[in-house]
């Protein structure tokens, strides 16, 4: 089935590098961003092109080329399987790791897509904020951590509502073993001290950081 072992080995190496750059753990963004930052390589161009994604895609395409060249038969079938693995395997590996070997905050799953925050003015200077954040502890041991909020994307004319949540922090959370809970955080923020005008709104897919004993995960 394999007619050229050298091409097959090259294909496997490039495929693994491509997957590693896109590996979404321990943060919600690919690990390749940390690699590029450590090497002082810009993460994106002026036009907004993300170099990590482009590099990963190029490596994947080259690996598929060498894979096709290395096989004696079933070229299309194996290339299709490799593409499916590249897209679905990283998330499956993360899930498997969290459910078996991970401990502490690394075993905590955050359902970001179902998170939600509401911001309303209580009076002229006080904003009331409430967030519902779904978490699940895959480990058998109780885990404790602090929650902070951060803005992932923010336009120039936008007020950082999520970051204002940190004025009421730190928010401490404890999850028992195998516990799934929607953590509700409620706080009131004095906007007069922050020189911020009155505002209200809602946010979905809320970005948070969880911290414990020097460990940090951006989710």
N, C-alpha and C. Protein backbone atom coordinates (compact mmCIF):
# COMPACT_ATOMS: atom_id res chain seq x y z
N UNK A 1 0.82 -1.21 0.00
CA UNK A 1 0.00 0.00 0.00
C UNK A 1 0.86 1.26 0.00
N UNK A 2 1.97 1.25 0.78
CA UNK A 2 2.89 2.39 0.80
C UNK A 2 4.03 2.10 -0.17
N UNK A 3 4.12 2.91 -1.19
CA UNK A 3 5.17 2.69 -2.19
C UNK A 3 6.40 3.54 -1.94
N UNK A 4 6.26 4.62 -1.14
CA UNK A 4 7.39 5.49 -0.87
C UNK A 4 7.37 5.88 0.62
N UNK A 5 8.18 5.19 1.41
CA UNK A 5 8.18 5.42 2.86
C UNK A 5 8.66 6.82 3.22
N UNK A 6 9.60 7.34 2.44
CA UNK A 6 10.13 8.69 2.72
C UNK A 6 9.01 9.73 2.60
N UNK A 7 8.26 9.68 1.52
CA UNK A 7 7.15 10.62 1.35
C UNK A 7 6.08 10.44 2.43
N UNK A 8 5.87 9.20 2.82
CA UNK A 8 4.86 8.92 3.85
C UNK A 8 5.28 9.53 5.19
N UNK A 9 6.56 9.38 5.55
CA UNK A 9 7.06 9.96 6.81
C UNK A 9 6.97 11.48 6.77
N UNK A 10 7.33 12.09 5.65
CA UNK A 10 7.23 13.55 5.51
C UNK A 10 5.78 13.99 5.67
N UNK A 11 4.86 13.23 5.06
CA UNK A 11 3.43 13.55 5.15
C UNK A 11 2.96 13.52 6.60
N UNK A 12 3.36 12.50 7.34
CA UNK A 12 2.95 12.35 8.73
C UNK A 12 3.50 13.50 9.58
N UNK A 13 4.78 13.84 9.38
CA UNK A 13 5.41 14.91 10.17
C UNK A 13 4.72 16.25 9.90
N UNK A 14 4.51 16.58 8.63
CA UNK A 14 3.86 17.85 8.29
C UNK A 14 2.42 17.89 8.77
N UNK A 15 1.75 16.75 8.69
CA UNK A 15 0.36 16.67 9.16
C UNK A 15 0.29 16.93 10.66
N UNK A 16 1.21 16.34 11.43
CA UNK A 16 1.22 16.54 12.88
C UNK A 16 1.55 17.98 13.23
N UNK A 17 2.48 18.60 12.51
CA UNK A 17 2.80 20.00 12.75
C UNK A 17 1.58 20.88 12.47
N UNK A 18 0.88 20.58 11.38
CA UNK A 18 -0.32 21.35 11.02
C UNK A 18 -1.37 21.24 12.12
N UNK A 19 -1.58 20.02 12.63
CA UNK A 19 -2.57 19.81 13.68
C UNK A 19 -2.13 20.47 14.98
N UNK A 20 -0.84 20.41 15.27
CA UNK A 20 -0.33 20.99 16.52
C UNK A 20 -0.55 22.51 16.55
N UNK A 21 -0.34 23.18 15.41
CA UNK A 21 -0.55 24.63 15.36
C UNK A 21 -2.00 24.99 15.61
N UNK A 22 -2.93 24.11 15.25
CA UNK A 22 -4.36 24.37 15.42
C UNK A 22 -4.93 23.74 16.68
N UNK A 23 -4.08 23.20 17.54
CA UNK A 23 -4.57 22.49 18.72
C UNK A 23 -5.17 23.48 19.71
N UNK A 24 -6.47 23.37 20.01
CA UNK A 24 -7.17 24.38 20.83
C UNK A 24 -7.11 24.11 22.33
N UNK A 25 -5.92 24.07 22.87
CA UNK A 25 -5.77 23.79 24.30
C UNK A 25 -4.39 24.27 24.74
N UNK A 26 -4.25 24.84 25.93
CA UNK A 26 -5.24 24.97 27.00
C UNK A 26 -6.18 26.16 26.87
N UNK A 27 -5.96 27.02 25.84
CA UNK A 27 -6.82 28.18 25.64
C UNK A 27 -7.82 27.91 24.52
N UNK A 28 -8.74 28.87 24.31
CA UNK A 28 -9.72 28.67 23.26
C UNK A 28 -9.13 28.93 21.87
N UNK A 29 -8.00 29.61 21.83
CA UNK A 29 -7.35 29.88 20.55
C UNK A 29 -6.28 28.80 20.30
N UNK A 30 -5.87 28.62 19.04
CA UNK A 30 -4.89 27.57 18.72
C UNK A 30 -3.55 27.81 19.42
N UNK A 31 -2.88 26.73 19.78
CA UNK A 31 -1.60 26.83 20.46
C UNK A 31 -0.54 27.48 19.57
N UNK A 32 -0.78 27.48 18.26
CA UNK A 32 0.14 28.11 17.33
C UNK A 32 0.31 29.59 17.59
N UNK A 33 -0.69 30.24 18.17
CA UNK A 33 -0.56 31.66 18.49
C UNK A 33 0.53 31.89 19.53
N UNK A 34 0.60 31.02 20.53
CA UNK A 34 1.66 31.14 21.54
C UNK A 34 3.03 30.87 20.93
N UNK A 35 3.08 29.90 20.01
CA UNK A 35 4.34 29.58 19.34
C UNK A 35 4.82 30.77 18.53
N UNK A 36 3.94 31.38 17.74
CA UNK A 36 4.31 32.53 16.92
C UNK A 36 4.73 33.71 17.79
N UNK A 37 4.01 33.94 18.90
CA UNK A 37 4.35 35.04 19.80
C UNK A 37 5.72 34.83 20.42
N UNK A 38 6.03 33.59 20.82
CA UNK A 38 7.33 33.29 21.42
C UNK A 38 8.47 33.52 20.43
N UNK A 39 8.19 33.31 19.14
CA UNK A 39 9.20 33.50 18.10
C UNK A 39 9.17 34.91 17.51
N UNK A 40 8.36 35.79 18.12
CA UNK A 40 8.22 37.18 17.65
C UNK A 40 7.73 37.26 16.21
N UNK A 41 6.90 36.32 15.82
CA UNK A 41 6.28 36.33 14.50
C UNK A 41 4.90 36.94 14.64
N UNK A 42 4.53 37.93 13.82
CA UNK A 42 3.20 38.54 13.94
C UNK A 42 2.09 37.53 13.72
N UNK A 43 0.99 37.69 14.47
CA UNK A 43 -0.12 36.75 14.37
C UNK A 43 -0.99 37.01 13.16
N UNK A 44 -1.05 38.27 12.73
CA UNK A 44 -1.86 38.57 11.55
C UNK A 44 -1.29 39.75 10.80
N UNK A 45 -1.67 39.86 9.54
CA UNK A 45 -1.17 40.93 8.69
C UNK A 45 -2.02 42.18 8.86
N UNK A 46 -1.61 43.26 8.20
CA UNK A 46 -2.37 44.51 8.25
C UNK A 46 -3.77 44.31 7.70
N UNK A 47 -3.90 43.42 6.72
CA UNK A 47 -5.20 43.15 6.10
C UNK A 47 -6.05 42.18 6.91
N UNK A 48 -5.54 41.73 8.06
CA UNK A 48 -6.33 40.85 8.92
C UNK A 48 -6.13 39.37 8.65
N UNK A 49 -5.16 39.02 7.79
CA UNK A 49 -4.91 37.60 7.52
C UNK A 49 -4.17 36.97 8.70
N UNK A 50 -4.69 35.86 9.19
CA UNK A 50 -4.09 35.20 10.35
C UNK A 50 -3.01 34.23 9.89
N UNK A 51 -1.77 34.54 10.25
CA UNK A 51 -0.63 33.75 9.80
C UNK A 51 -0.63 32.33 10.35
N UNK A 52 -1.16 32.16 11.57
CA UNK A 52 -1.19 30.82 12.16
C UNK A 52 -2.07 29.90 11.31
N UNK A 53 -3.27 30.38 10.97
CA UNK A 53 -4.18 29.59 10.16
C UNK A 53 -3.64 29.32 8.77
N UNK A 54 -3.02 30.34 8.18
CA UNK A 54 -2.45 30.17 6.83
C UNK A 54 -1.32 29.16 6.85
N UNK A 55 -0.42 29.28 7.84
CA UNK A 55 0.70 28.34 7.95
C UNK A 55 0.21 26.92 8.14
N UNK A 56 -0.78 26.76 9.02
CA UNK A 56 -1.34 25.43 9.28
C UNK A 56 -1.97 24.84 8.02
N UNK A 57 -2.69 25.67 7.27
CA UNK A 57 -3.33 25.20 6.04
C UNK A 57 -2.29 24.79 4.99
N UNK A 58 -1.23 25.58 4.86
CA UNK A 58 -0.18 25.27 3.89
C UNK A 58 0.49 23.94 4.25
N UNK A 59 0.79 23.77 5.55
CA UNK A 59 1.40 22.51 5.98
C UNK A 59 0.47 21.32 5.72
N UNK A 60 -0.82 21.53 5.93
CA UNK A 60 -1.78 20.45 5.69
C UNK A 60 -1.82 20.08 4.21
N UNK A 61 -1.86 21.09 3.34
CA UNK A 61 -1.91 20.84 1.89
C UNK A 61 -0.66 20.09 1.43
N UNK A 62 0.51 20.53 1.92
CA UNK A 62 1.76 19.87 1.53
C UNK A 62 1.78 18.43 2.03
N UNK A 63 1.28 18.23 3.27
CA UNK A 63 1.26 16.87 3.82
C UNK A 63 0.34 15.97 3.00
N UNK A 64 -0.78 16.50 2.53
CA UNK A 64 -1.70 15.71 1.71
C UNK A 64 -1.07 15.37 0.36
N UNK A 65 -0.27 16.30 -0.17
CA UNK A 65 0.45 16.03 -1.42
C UNK A 65 1.42 14.86 -1.26
N UNK A 66 2.22 14.92 -0.18
CA UNK A 66 3.18 13.84 0.05
C UNK A 66 2.47 12.53 0.39
N UNK A 67 1.33 12.62 1.06
CA UNK A 67 0.57 11.42 1.37
C UNK A 67 0.09 10.74 0.10
N UNK A 68 -0.44 11.54 -0.82
CA UNK A 68 -0.89 10.99 -2.10
C UNK A 68 0.24 10.36 -2.89
N UNK A 69 1.41 11.00 -2.85
CA UNK A 69 2.57 10.49 -3.59
C UNK A 69 3.14 9.23 -2.96
N UNK A 70 2.88 9.03 -1.68
CA UNK A 70 3.48 7.89 -0.98
C UNK A 70 2.67 6.61 -1.10
N UNK A 71 1.41 6.73 -1.50
CA UNK A 71 0.53 5.56 -1.51
C UNK A 71 0.45 4.90 -2.88
N UNK A 72 0.29 3.61 -2.83
CA UNK A 72 0.18 2.84 -4.07
C UNK A 72 -1.26 2.76 -4.56
N UNK A 73 -2.22 2.85 -3.63
CA UNK A 73 -3.64 2.82 -3.97
C UNK A 73 -4.44 3.56 -2.89
N UNK A 74 -5.73 3.76 -3.14
CA UNK A 74 -6.65 4.44 -2.23
C UNK A 74 -6.21 5.88 -1.93
N UNK A 75 -5.64 6.55 -2.94
CA UNK A 75 -5.14 7.91 -2.71
C UNK A 75 -6.25 8.85 -2.23
N UNK A 76 -7.33 8.93 -2.98
CA UNK A 76 -8.41 9.86 -2.66
C UNK A 76 -9.04 9.55 -1.30
N UNK A 77 -9.21 8.26 -1.04
CA UNK A 77 -9.84 7.85 0.21
C UNK A 77 -8.98 8.25 1.41
N UNK A 78 -7.69 8.03 1.33
CA UNK A 78 -6.80 8.34 2.45
C UNK A 78 -6.65 9.85 2.63
N UNK A 79 -6.62 10.59 1.53
CA UNK A 79 -6.54 12.06 1.63
C UNK A 79 -7.79 12.61 2.29
N UNK A 80 -8.97 12.07 1.94
CA UNK A 80 -10.22 12.50 2.56
C UNK A 80 -10.22 12.20 4.06
N UNK A 81 -9.75 11.02 4.43
CA UNK A 81 -9.67 10.66 5.85
C UNK A 81 -8.73 11.61 6.59
N UNK A 82 -7.61 11.95 5.97
CA UNK A 82 -6.65 12.87 6.59
C UNK A 82 -7.27 14.24 6.80
N UNK A 83 -8.05 14.72 5.84
CA UNK A 83 -8.71 16.03 5.97
C UNK A 83 -9.71 16.00 7.12
N UNK A 84 -10.48 14.93 7.22
CA UNK A 84 -11.45 14.82 8.31
C UNK A 84 -10.76 14.75 9.66
N UNK A 85 -9.65 14.03 9.72
CA UNK A 85 -8.88 13.96 10.97
C UNK A 85 -8.35 15.33 11.36
N UNK A 86 -7.87 16.09 10.39
CA UNK A 86 -7.31 17.42 10.67
C UNK A 86 -8.35 18.35 11.28
N UNK A 87 -9.60 18.21 10.85
CA UNK A 87 -10.66 19.10 11.33
C UNK A 87 -11.27 18.63 12.65
N UNK A 88 -11.42 17.34 12.85
CA UNK A 88 -12.16 16.84 14.00
C UNK A 88 -11.30 16.23 15.11
N UNK A 89 -10.12 15.72 14.77
CA UNK A 89 -9.30 15.03 15.76
C UNK A 89 -8.83 15.93 16.90
N UNK A 90 -8.39 17.19 16.66
CA UNK A 90 -7.92 18.02 17.77
C UNK A 90 -8.95 18.17 18.89
N UNK A 91 -10.20 18.47 18.54
CA UNK A 91 -11.23 18.64 19.56
C UNK A 91 -11.51 17.33 20.29
N UNK A 92 -11.48 16.22 19.55
CA UNK A 92 -11.70 14.93 20.19
C UNK A 92 -10.57 14.59 21.16
N UNK A 93 -9.34 14.94 20.79
CA UNK A 93 -8.20 14.69 21.67
C UNK A 93 -8.29 15.53 22.94
N UNK A 94 -8.71 16.80 22.78
CA UNK A 94 -8.87 17.67 23.94
C UNK A 94 -9.92 17.10 24.88
N UNK A 95 -11.06 16.69 24.32
CA UNK A 95 -12.13 16.12 25.13
C UNK A 95 -11.68 14.85 25.85
N UNK A 96 -10.97 14.00 25.13
CA UNK A 96 -10.49 12.75 25.74
C UNK A 96 -9.49 13.03 26.86
N UNK A 97 -8.59 14.00 26.65
CA UNK A 97 -7.60 14.34 27.67
C UNK A 97 -8.28 14.90 28.92
N UNK A 98 -9.24 15.82 28.73
CA UNK A 98 -9.90 16.42 29.88
C UNK A 98 -10.68 15.39 30.68
N UNK A 99 -11.24 14.39 30.01
CA UNK A 99 -12.08 13.41 30.68
C UNK A 99 -11.28 12.26 31.32
N UNK A 100 -9.98 12.20 31.03
CA UNK A 100 -9.20 11.07 31.55
C UNK A 100 -7.98 11.51 32.37
N UNK A 101 -7.10 12.29 31.80
CA UNK A 101 -5.81 12.59 32.43
C UNK A 101 -5.73 13.96 33.09
N UNK A 102 -6.56 14.92 32.66
CA UNK A 102 -6.44 16.29 33.14
C UNK A 102 -6.89 16.43 34.58
N UNK A 103 -6.32 17.43 35.26
CA UNK A 103 -6.71 17.74 36.64
C UNK A 103 -6.73 19.25 36.81
N UNK A 104 -7.32 19.70 37.93
CA UNK A 104 -7.39 21.13 38.19
C UNK A 104 -8.19 21.85 37.12
N UNK A 105 -7.77 23.07 36.80
CA UNK A 105 -8.52 23.86 35.80
C UNK A 105 -8.39 23.28 34.40
N UNK A 106 -7.41 22.42 34.17
CA UNK A 106 -7.28 21.80 32.85
C UNK A 106 -8.39 20.78 32.59
N UNK A 107 -9.07 20.36 33.64
CA UNK A 107 -10.18 19.43 33.49
C UNK A 107 -11.52 20.15 33.41
N UNK A 108 -11.48 21.47 33.41
CA UNK A 108 -12.71 22.27 33.38
C UNK A 108 -13.08 22.60 31.94
N UNK A 109 -14.31 22.30 31.59
CA UNK A 109 -14.85 22.64 30.26
C UNK A 109 -15.78 23.83 30.40
N UNK A 110 -15.62 24.81 29.52
CA UNK A 110 -16.45 26.01 29.51
C UNK A 110 -17.27 26.04 28.23
N UNK A 111 -18.58 26.03 28.36
CA UNK A 111 -19.47 26.07 27.20
C UNK A 111 -19.70 27.52 26.80
N UNK A 112 -18.71 28.08 26.13
CA UNK A 112 -18.74 29.52 25.81
C UNK A 112 -19.92 29.91 24.93
N UNK A 113 -20.31 29.04 24.01
CA UNK A 113 -21.38 29.38 23.08
C UNK A 113 -22.71 29.61 23.79
N UNK A 114 -22.89 29.03 24.97
CA UNK A 114 -24.15 29.18 25.70
C UNK A 114 -24.04 30.14 26.88
N UNK A 115 -22.98 30.93 26.91
CA UNK A 115 -22.82 31.92 27.97
C UNK A 115 -23.51 33.22 27.57
N UNK A 116 -23.87 34.01 28.59
CA UNK A 116 -24.67 35.21 28.32
C UNK A 116 -24.49 36.21 29.45
N UNK A 117 -24.36 37.49 29.11
CA UNK A 117 -24.27 38.57 30.09
C UNK A 117 -25.28 39.66 29.76
N UNK A 118 -25.83 40.31 30.81
CA UNK A 118 -26.78 41.40 30.65
C UNK A 118 -26.28 42.60 31.45
N UNK A 119 -26.38 43.78 30.85
CA UNK A 119 -25.92 45.01 31.50
C UNK A 119 -27.06 46.03 31.46
N UNK A 120 -27.44 46.54 32.63
CA UNK A 120 -28.52 47.52 32.71
C UNK A 120 -28.14 48.61 33.71
N UNK A 121 -28.60 49.84 33.44
CA UNK A 121 -28.35 50.94 34.35
C UNK A 121 -29.36 50.91 35.49
N UNK A 122 -28.83 50.89 36.72
CA UNK A 122 -29.70 50.91 37.90
C UNK A 122 -30.10 52.32 38.25
N UNK A 123 -29.16 53.25 38.09
CA UNK A 123 -29.44 54.68 38.20
C UNK A 123 -28.47 55.40 37.28
N UNK A 124 -28.26 56.68 37.47
CA UNK A 124 -27.44 57.46 36.54
C UNK A 124 -25.98 57.04 36.51
N UNK A 125 -25.48 56.47 37.60
CA UNK A 125 -24.05 56.16 37.66
C UNK A 125 -23.75 54.69 37.98
N UNK A 126 -24.77 53.90 38.27
CA UNK A 126 -24.54 52.52 38.68
C UNK A 126 -25.09 51.55 37.65
N UNK A 127 -24.23 50.66 37.20
CA UNK A 127 -24.65 49.65 36.23
C UNK A 127 -24.77 48.30 36.93
N UNK A 128 -25.88 47.62 36.69
CA UNK A 128 -26.09 46.28 37.21
C UNK A 128 -25.74 45.27 36.13
N UNK A 129 -24.93 44.28 36.48
CA UNK A 129 -24.47 43.29 35.50
C UNK A 129 -24.72 41.89 36.01
N UNK A 130 -25.11 41.00 35.11
CA UNK A 130 -25.36 39.60 35.47
C UNK A 130 -24.89 38.71 34.33
N UNK A 131 -24.14 37.67 34.67
CA UNK A 131 -23.62 36.74 33.66
C UNK A 131 -23.94 35.29 34.05
N UNK A 132 -24.35 34.51 33.06
CA UNK A 132 -24.57 33.08 33.24
C UNK A 132 -23.50 32.34 32.44
N UNK A 133 -22.66 31.58 33.15
CA UNK A 133 -21.50 30.94 32.55
C UNK A 133 -21.54 29.43 32.81
N UNK A 134 -21.75 28.60 31.78
CA UNK A 134 -21.83 27.14 31.99
C UNK A 134 -20.43 26.51 32.08
N UNK A 135 -20.19 25.82 33.18
CA UNK A 135 -18.93 25.11 33.38
C UNK A 135 -19.21 23.65 33.71
N UNK A 136 -18.23 22.79 33.40
CA UNK A 136 -18.30 21.39 33.80
C UNK A 136 -16.93 20.90 34.22
N UNK A 137 -16.87 20.23 35.36
CA UNK A 137 -15.63 19.66 35.86
C UNK A 137 -15.60 18.19 35.49
N UNK A 138 -14.71 17.80 34.59
CA UNK A 138 -14.63 16.41 34.15
C UNK A 138 -13.90 15.51 35.14
N UNK A 139 -13.17 16.12 36.07
CA UNK A 139 -12.38 15.35 37.02
C UNK A 139 -13.22 14.93 38.23
N UNK A 140 -12.75 13.93 38.97
CA UNK A 140 -13.45 13.47 40.16
C UNK A 140 -13.19 14.36 41.37
N UNK A 141 -12.12 15.17 41.30
CA UNK A 141 -11.75 16.01 42.42
C UNK A 141 -12.37 17.39 42.30
N UNK A 142 -12.65 18.02 43.45
CA UNK A 142 -13.17 19.38 43.48
C UNK A 142 -12.11 20.35 42.97
N UNK A 143 -12.53 21.32 42.20
CA UNK A 143 -11.60 22.32 41.67
C UNK A 143 -12.12 23.71 42.00
N UNK A 144 -11.20 24.61 42.37
CA UNK A 144 -11.55 26.00 42.66
C UNK A 144 -10.74 26.91 41.75
N UNK A 145 -11.35 27.99 41.31
CA UNK A 145 -10.64 28.93 40.45
C UNK A 145 -11.33 30.29 40.50
N UNK A 146 -10.60 31.30 40.04
CA UNK A 146 -11.13 32.65 39.90
C UNK A 146 -11.47 32.93 38.44
N UNK A 147 -12.50 33.72 38.24
CA UNK A 147 -12.92 34.08 36.88
C UNK A 147 -12.64 35.55 36.63
N UNK A 148 -12.05 35.85 35.49
CA UNK A 148 -11.90 37.21 35.00
C UNK A 148 -12.46 37.28 33.58
N UNK A 149 -12.81 38.46 33.15
CA UNK A 149 -13.39 38.66 31.83
C UNK A 149 -12.41 39.43 30.94
N UNK A 150 -12.48 39.17 29.65
CA UNK A 150 -11.65 39.93 28.72
C UNK A 150 -12.36 40.10 27.38
N UNK A 151 -11.94 41.14 26.66
CA UNK A 151 -12.52 41.42 25.34
C UNK A 151 -11.65 40.76 24.28
N UNK A 152 -12.27 40.00 23.41
CA UNK A 152 -11.52 39.37 22.33
C UNK A 152 -11.41 40.31 21.14
N UNK A 153 -12.53 40.87 20.75
CA UNK A 153 -12.55 41.83 19.64
C UNK A 153 -13.30 43.06 20.12
N UNK A 154 -12.75 44.23 19.85
CA UNK A 154 -13.37 45.47 20.29
C UNK A 154 -13.11 46.56 19.25
N UNK A 155 -14.20 47.17 18.76
CA UNK A 155 -14.06 48.26 17.81
C UNK A 155 -13.72 49.55 18.56
N UNK A 156 -13.19 50.53 17.83
CA UNK A 156 -12.68 51.75 18.45
C UNK A 156 -13.77 52.50 19.23
N UNK A 157 -15.00 52.47 18.74
CA UNK A 157 -16.07 53.24 19.38
C UNK A 157 -16.86 52.43 20.40
N UNK A 158 -16.40 51.22 20.71
CA UNK A 158 -17.11 50.36 21.65
C UNK A 158 -16.55 50.53 23.07
N UNK A 159 -17.46 50.41 24.04
CA UNK A 159 -17.05 50.42 25.44
C UNK A 159 -16.81 48.99 25.90
N UNK A 160 -15.71 48.74 26.58
CA UNK A 160 -15.39 47.36 26.99
C UNK A 160 -16.27 46.89 28.14
N UNK A 161 -17.51 46.50 27.83
CA UNK A 161 -18.46 46.09 28.86
C UNK A 161 -17.95 44.90 29.67
N UNK A 162 -17.43 43.89 28.97
CA UNK A 162 -16.97 42.69 29.67
C UNK A 162 -15.83 43.00 30.63
N UNK A 163 -14.90 43.83 30.19
CA UNK A 163 -13.77 44.18 31.05
C UNK A 163 -14.23 44.92 32.32
N UNK A 164 -15.35 45.66 32.22
CA UNK A 164 -15.87 46.36 33.39
C UNK A 164 -16.31 45.38 34.47
N UNK A 165 -16.64 44.15 34.07
CA UNK A 165 -17.03 43.13 35.05
C UNK A 165 -15.92 42.87 36.06
N UNK A 166 -14.67 43.07 35.65
CA UNK A 166 -13.55 42.79 36.55
C UNK A 166 -13.48 43.76 37.72
N UNK A 167 -14.22 44.91 37.61
CA UNK A 167 -14.25 45.85 38.72
C UNK A 167 -14.90 45.23 39.96
N UNK A 168 -15.77 44.27 39.77
CA UNK A 168 -16.44 43.63 40.90
C UNK A 168 -15.77 42.34 41.35
N UNK A 169 -14.68 41.97 40.69
CA UNK A 169 -14.01 40.70 40.99
C UNK A 169 -13.05 40.79 42.15
N UNK A 170 -12.30 39.71 42.44
CA UNK A 170 -12.33 38.43 41.70
C UNK A 170 -13.56 37.59 42.05
N UNK A 171 -13.99 36.79 41.09
CA UNK A 171 -15.15 35.93 41.27
C UNK A 171 -14.67 34.50 41.48
N UNK A 172 -14.89 33.98 42.66
CA UNK A 172 -14.39 32.65 43.01
C UNK A 172 -15.46 31.60 42.73
N UNK A 173 -15.04 30.50 42.14
CA UNK A 173 -15.95 29.41 41.78
C UNK A 173 -15.39 28.10 42.30
N UNK A 174 -16.27 27.23 42.77
CA UNK A 174 -15.88 25.89 43.18
C UNK A 174 -16.80 24.90 42.50
N UNK A 175 -16.20 23.93 41.81
CA UNK A 175 -16.96 22.86 41.16
C UNK A 175 -16.56 21.53 41.78
N UNK A 176 -17.54 20.78 42.21
CA UNK A 176 -17.27 19.45 42.75
C UNK A 176 -16.96 18.47 41.61
N UNK A 177 -16.48 17.32 41.96
CA UNK A 177 -16.14 16.32 40.96
C UNK A 177 -17.32 15.97 40.06
N UNK A 178 -17.08 15.96 38.76
CA UNK A 178 -18.09 15.61 37.75
C UNK A 178 -19.31 16.54 37.79
N UNK A 179 -19.13 17.73 38.34
CA UNK A 179 -20.27 18.64 38.45
C UNK A 179 -20.37 19.55 37.23
N UNK A 180 -21.59 19.73 36.75
CA UNK A 180 -21.89 20.70 35.70
C UNK A 180 -22.78 21.77 36.30
N UNK A 181 -22.40 23.03 36.14
CA UNK A 181 -23.16 24.11 36.77
C UNK A 181 -23.13 25.36 35.90
N UNK A 182 -24.27 26.05 35.89
CA UNK A 182 -24.30 27.38 35.27
C UNK A 182 -23.97 28.38 36.37
N UNK A 183 -22.79 28.92 36.33
CA UNK A 183 -22.33 29.87 37.35
C UNK A 183 -22.92 31.24 37.03
N UNK A 184 -23.67 31.78 37.97
CA UNK A 184 -24.27 33.10 37.79
C UNK A 184 -23.47 34.12 38.59
N UNK A 185 -23.00 35.14 37.91
CA UNK A 185 -22.22 36.21 38.53
C UNK A 185 -23.03 37.50 38.44
N UNK A 186 -23.27 38.13 39.58
CA UNK A 186 -24.01 39.39 39.62
C UNK A 186 -23.18 40.43 40.35
N UNK A 187 -23.14 41.62 39.81
CA UNK A 187 -22.36 42.68 40.43
C UNK A 187 -22.93 44.03 40.04
N UNK A 188 -22.56 45.05 40.80
CA UNK A 188 -22.91 46.43 40.49
C UNK A 188 -21.63 47.23 40.33
N UNK A 189 -21.59 48.04 39.29
CA UNK A 189 -20.37 48.77 38.95
C UNK A 189 -20.64 50.27 38.99
N UNK A 190 -19.81 50.99 39.75
CA UNK A 190 -19.93 52.45 39.84
C UNK A 190 -19.19 53.06 38.66
N UNK A 191 -19.94 53.53 37.66
CA UNK A 191 -19.32 54.06 36.45
C UNK A 191 -18.73 55.44 36.65
N UNK A 192 -19.15 56.16 37.68
CA UNK A 192 -18.63 57.51 37.90
C UNK A 192 -17.14 57.49 38.23
N UNK A 193 -16.69 56.42 38.91
CA UNK A 193 -15.27 56.31 39.25
C UNK A 193 -14.42 55.96 38.04
N UNK A 194 -15.06 55.40 37.01
CA UNK A 194 -14.33 54.95 35.83
C UNK A 194 -14.42 55.95 34.69
N UNK A 195 -15.10 57.07 34.93
CA UNK A 195 -15.29 58.10 33.90
C UNK A 195 -15.91 57.52 32.64
N UNK A 196 -16.92 56.69 32.85
CA UNK A 196 -17.64 56.05 31.75
C UNK A 196 -19.09 56.45 31.84
N UNK A 197 -19.70 56.80 30.71
CA UNK A 197 -21.10 57.21 30.70
C UNK A 197 -22.03 56.03 30.87
N UNK A 198 -23.33 56.32 31.00
CA UNK A 198 -24.32 55.26 31.17
C UNK A 198 -24.40 54.40 29.92
N UNK A 199 -24.73 53.13 30.12
CA UNK A 199 -24.76 52.19 29.01
C UNK A 199 -25.58 50.97 29.41
N UNK A 200 -25.96 50.19 28.42
CA UNK A 200 -26.64 48.93 28.67
C UNK A 200 -26.42 48.03 27.46
N UNK A 201 -26.72 46.76 27.61
CA UNK A 201 -26.52 45.86 26.48
C UNK A 201 -26.46 44.42 26.92
N UNK A 202 -26.17 43.54 25.97
CA UNK A 202 -26.05 42.12 26.24
C UNK A 202 -24.85 41.57 25.48
N UNK A 203 -24.34 40.44 25.96
CA UNK A 203 -23.20 39.79 25.29
C UNK A 203 -23.40 38.29 25.34
N UNK A 204 -23.09 37.64 24.22
CA UNK A 204 -23.14 36.18 24.14
C UNK A 204 -21.74 35.65 23.81
N UNK A 205 -21.52 34.37 24.01
CA UNK A 205 -20.21 33.76 23.77
C UNK A 205 -19.13 34.56 24.50
N UNK A 206 -19.30 34.66 25.80
CA UNK A 206 -18.47 35.53 26.64
C UNK A 206 -17.09 34.92 26.86
N UNK A 207 -16.06 35.72 26.63
CA UNK A 207 -14.69 35.25 26.87
C UNK A 207 -14.28 35.48 28.31
N UNK A 208 -13.79 34.42 28.93
CA UNK A 208 -13.35 34.51 30.32
C UNK A 208 -11.96 33.89 30.47
N UNK A 209 -11.30 34.26 31.57
CA UNK A 209 -10.07 33.60 31.99
C UNK A 209 -10.33 32.93 33.32
N UNK A 210 -9.88 31.70 33.46
CA UNK A 210 -9.94 31.03 34.76
C UNK A 210 -8.53 30.86 35.28
N UNK A 211 -8.35 31.15 36.57
CA UNK A 211 -7.01 31.16 37.16
C UNK A 211 -6.99 30.38 38.45
N UNK A 212 -5.90 29.65 38.67
CA UNK A 212 -5.71 28.93 39.92
C UNK A 212 -4.24 28.59 40.09
N UNK A 213 -3.66 29.05 41.20
CA UNK A 213 -2.28 28.72 41.58
C UNK A 213 -1.28 29.00 40.45
N UNK A 214 -1.40 30.16 39.87
CA UNK A 214 -0.47 30.56 38.82
C UNK A 214 -0.79 30.05 37.43
N UNK A 215 -1.77 29.15 37.31
CA UNK A 215 -2.18 28.62 36.02
C UNK A 215 -3.31 29.47 35.47
N UNK A 216 -3.26 29.71 34.16
CA UNK A 216 -4.27 30.56 33.51
C UNK A 216 -4.74 29.88 32.22
N UNK A 217 -6.06 29.91 32.02
CA UNK A 217 -6.63 29.45 30.74
C UNK A 217 -7.57 30.53 30.22
N UNK A 218 -7.38 30.91 28.96
CA UNK A 218 -8.26 31.88 28.31
C UNK A 218 -9.29 31.10 27.50
N UNK A 219 -10.56 31.23 27.87
CA UNK A 219 -11.62 30.42 27.28
C UNK A 219 -12.67 31.28 26.58
